[in-house]
Amino acid sequence: MFQPISREEYHKILWKEMFGQDDCPFCDKEKYQNQVVWQWAHWQILYNLSSYSWDHRHIMAIPFDHIKTSIELEDKHLIELREVHKKVKNIFDWEEYFSFTRETMGNRSVEHLHIHFLAWKLEWKFLRKMLELQGFPITQDLKID
């Protein structure tokens, strides 16, 4: 079973302000072979190297093509993305899960579109902590109306 590393270890070995196309960790297939869960022609599912859920129940869907934003997705990607979501639903089986898409935002990310899927419900405290760990300056309270 894949074992994620801690956020601290991740920051020591991989972290920098922004990964561009020239040094994209998602484009280097040799580096993540032990993280592969499933692959199609245009997409793959990987275990997250540094899980936000602190276990193997954090996976990501990543297109093979170096795509920065969802507007760049072509029909071939969009058609296959439906299959990706079906597979994710089967992976989580009866567990509740949530997802969010990371696109290039100019703030500590990989310049390669990726969709995170995590087991359990999204809670505001978790979201706040996750965003803070990603380097986003959160100054106000997050409230649900």
Protein backbone atom coordinates (compact mmCIF):
# COMPACT_ATOMS: atom_id res chain seq x y z
CA MET A 1 0.00 0.00 0.00
CA PHE A 2 1.25 3.46 -0.90
CA GLN A 3 2.40 5.49 2.11
CA PRO A 4 2.27 9.29 1.78
CA ILE A 5 4.98 11.46 3.30
CA SER A 6 4.40 14.25 5.81
CA ARG A 7 3.86 17.83 4.67
CA GLU A 8 7.16 18.75 6.34
CA GLU A 9 9.03 16.08 4.36
CA TYR A 10 7.25 17.16 1.17
CA HIS A 11 8.41 20.74 1.69
CA LYS A 12 11.99 19.60 2.28
CA ILE A 13 12.29 17.54 -0.90
CA LEU A 14 9.87 19.08 -3.41
CA TRP A 15 8.53 22.46 -2.43
CA LYS A 16 9.15 25.72 -4.25
CA GLU A 17 6.98 28.69 -5.16
CA MET A 18 5.74 27.35 -8.51
CA PHE A 19 6.49 24.39 -10.73
CA GLY A 20 6.31 25.30 -14.41
CA GLN A 21 6.25 23.09 -17.47
CA ASP A 22 10.03 22.65 -17.49
CA ASP A 23 10.15 21.16 -13.99
CA CYS A 24 6.57 19.87 -13.62
CA PRO A 25 6.45 16.87 -11.26
CA PHE A 26 3.29 15.59 -13.01
CA CYS A 27 5.04 15.45 -16.38
CA ASP A 28 7.91 13.30 -15.07
CA LYS A 29 6.30 9.84 -15.17
CA GLU A 30 9.38 8.12 -13.73
CA LYS A 31 9.11 10.03 -10.44
CA TYR A 32 5.59 8.89 -9.53
CA GLN A 33 5.31 5.31 -10.82
CA ASN A 34 4.69 4.00 -7.28
CA GLN A 35 1.77 6.46 -6.87
CA VAL A 36 -0.29 5.32 -9.88
CA VAL A 37 -3.79 4.07 -9.07
CA TRP A 38 -5.33 3.98 -12.58
CA GLN A 39 -4.52 5.22 -16.06
CA TRP A 40 -6.46 5.92 -19.26
CA ALA A 41 -5.31 7.39 -22.56
CA HIS A 42 -5.48 11.04 -21.40
CA TRP A 43 -5.84 10.93 -17.60
CA GLN A 44 -4.34 9.16 -14.63
CA ILE A 45 -5.20 8.82 -10.97
CA LEU A 46 -2.33 9.05 -8.49
CA TYR A 47 -2.04 8.86 -4.74
CA ASN A 48 -1.11 12.29 -3.42
CA LEU A 49 2.55 12.24 -2.35
CA SER A 50 1.74 14.31 0.72
CA SER A 51 -1.83 13.46 1.66
CA TYR A 52 -4.08 16.11 3.22
CA SER A 53 -5.96 13.27 4.92
CA TRP A 54 -2.71 11.77 6.29
CA ASP A 55 -3.36 8.42 4.63
CA HIS A 56 -3.83 6.81 1.20
CA ARG A 57 -7.40 8.18 0.82
CA HIS A 58 -6.21 11.30 -0.98
CA ILE A 59 -5.94 10.78 -4.73
CA MET A 60 -5.59 13.13 -7.68
CA ALA A 61 -6.75 12.99 -11.29
CA ILE A 62 -4.17 14.51 -13.62
CA PRO A 63 -4.21 14.82 -17.41
CA PHE A 64 -1.10 13.46 -19.13
CA ASP A 65 -0.94 16.57 -21.31
CA HIS A 66 0.54 19.60 -19.56
CA ILE A 67 -2.64 21.66 -19.20
CA LYS A 68 -2.71 24.76 -16.99
CA THR A 69 -6.43 25.52 -16.76
CA SER A 70 -9.67 23.68 -17.45
CA ILE A 71 -10.45 25.96 -20.40
CA GLU A 72 -7.56 24.22 -22.23
CA LEU A 73 -9.18 20.77 -21.92
CA GLU A 74 -10.08 19.31 -25.29
CA ASP A 75 -13.02 17.03 -26.10
CA LYS A 76 -10.79 13.96 -25.67
CA HIS A 77 -10.01 15.04 -22.08
CA LEU A 78 -13.60 15.94 -21.23
CA ILE A 79 -15.04 12.69 -22.55
CA GLU A 80 -12.54 10.66 -20.55
CA LEU A 81 -12.99 12.79 -17.44
CA ARG A 82 -16.43 11.24 -17.00
CA GLU A 83 -14.73 7.82 -16.73
CA VAL A 84 -12.27 9.25 -14.22
CA HIS A 85 -15.15 10.38 -11.99
CA LYS A 86 -16.84 6.97 -12.26
CA LYS A 87 -13.59 5.27 -11.21
CA VAL A 88 -13.13 7.64 -8.26
CA LYS A 89 -16.68 6.88 -7.10
CA ASN A 90 -15.86 3.15 -7.22
CA ILE A 91 -12.57 3.67 -5.39
CA PHE A 92 -14.29 5.44 -2.49
CA ASP A 93 -17.12 2.90 -2.64
CA TRP A 94 -19.40 3.69 0.30
CA GLU A 95 -17.24 6.47 1.79
CA GLU A 96 -18.21 10.08 1.37
CA TYR A 97 -15.64 12.15 -0.48
CA PHE A 98 -15.18 15.62 -1.89
CA SER A 99 -13.10 17.09 -4.67
CA PHE A 100 -11.57 20.35 -5.71
CA THR A 101 -9.67 21.42 -8.80
CA ARG A 102 -6.28 23.12 -8.64
CA GLU A 103 -5.42 25.26 -11.61
CA THR A 104 -2.53 27.63 -12.10
CA MET A 105 -3.16 30.55 -9.81
CA GLY A 106 0.26 32.10 -9.35
CA ASN A 107 0.33 31.03 -5.72
CA ARG A 108 2.29 27.93 -4.72
CA SER A 109 1.00 25.24 -6.96
CA VAL A 110 2.00 22.99 -9.77
CA GLU A 111 1.36 24.67 -13.11
CA HIS A 112 -0.56 21.61 -14.27
CA LEU A 113 -4.30 21.09 -13.82
CA HIS A 114 -5.11 18.48 -11.17
CA ILE A 115 -8.24 17.42 -9.31
CA HIS A 116 -7.97 16.36 -5.68
CA PHE A 117 -10.31 13.73 -4.22
CA LEU A 118 -10.37 13.14 -0.46
CA ALA A 119 -12.40 10.81 1.71
CA TRP A 120 -14.74 12.39 4.26
CA LYS A 121 -16.76 15.55 4.29
CA LEU A 122 -15.16 18.92 3.72
CA GLU A 123 -15.11 20.86 6.96
CA TRP A 124 -14.31 24.58 7.14
CA LYS A 125 -11.57 24.12 9.73
CA PHE A 126 -9.92 21.56 7.48
CA LEU A 127 -10.25 23.81 4.43
CA ARG A 128 -8.72 26.73 6.30
CA LYS A 129 -5.78 24.63 7.53
CA MET A 130 -5.24 23.14 4.09
CA LEU A 131 -5.20 26.58 2.46
CA GLU A 132 -2.80 27.90 5.11
CA LEU A 133 -0.48 24.91 4.52
CA GLN A 134 -0.55 25.74 0.81
CA GLY A 135 0.68 29.25 1.57
CA PHE A 136 -2.56 31.18 1.07
CA PRO A 137 -2.81 34.14 3.47
CA ILE A 138 -6.14 33.57 5.27
CA THR A 139 -6.97 36.59 7.41
CA GLN A 140 -10.74 36.45 7.85
CA ASP A 141 -13.04 33.83 9.33
CA LEU A 142 -14.69 31.41 6.93
CA LYS A 143 -18.44 31.42 7.56
CA ILE A 144 -21.34 29.43 6.22
CA ASP A 145 -24.58 31.36 5.68
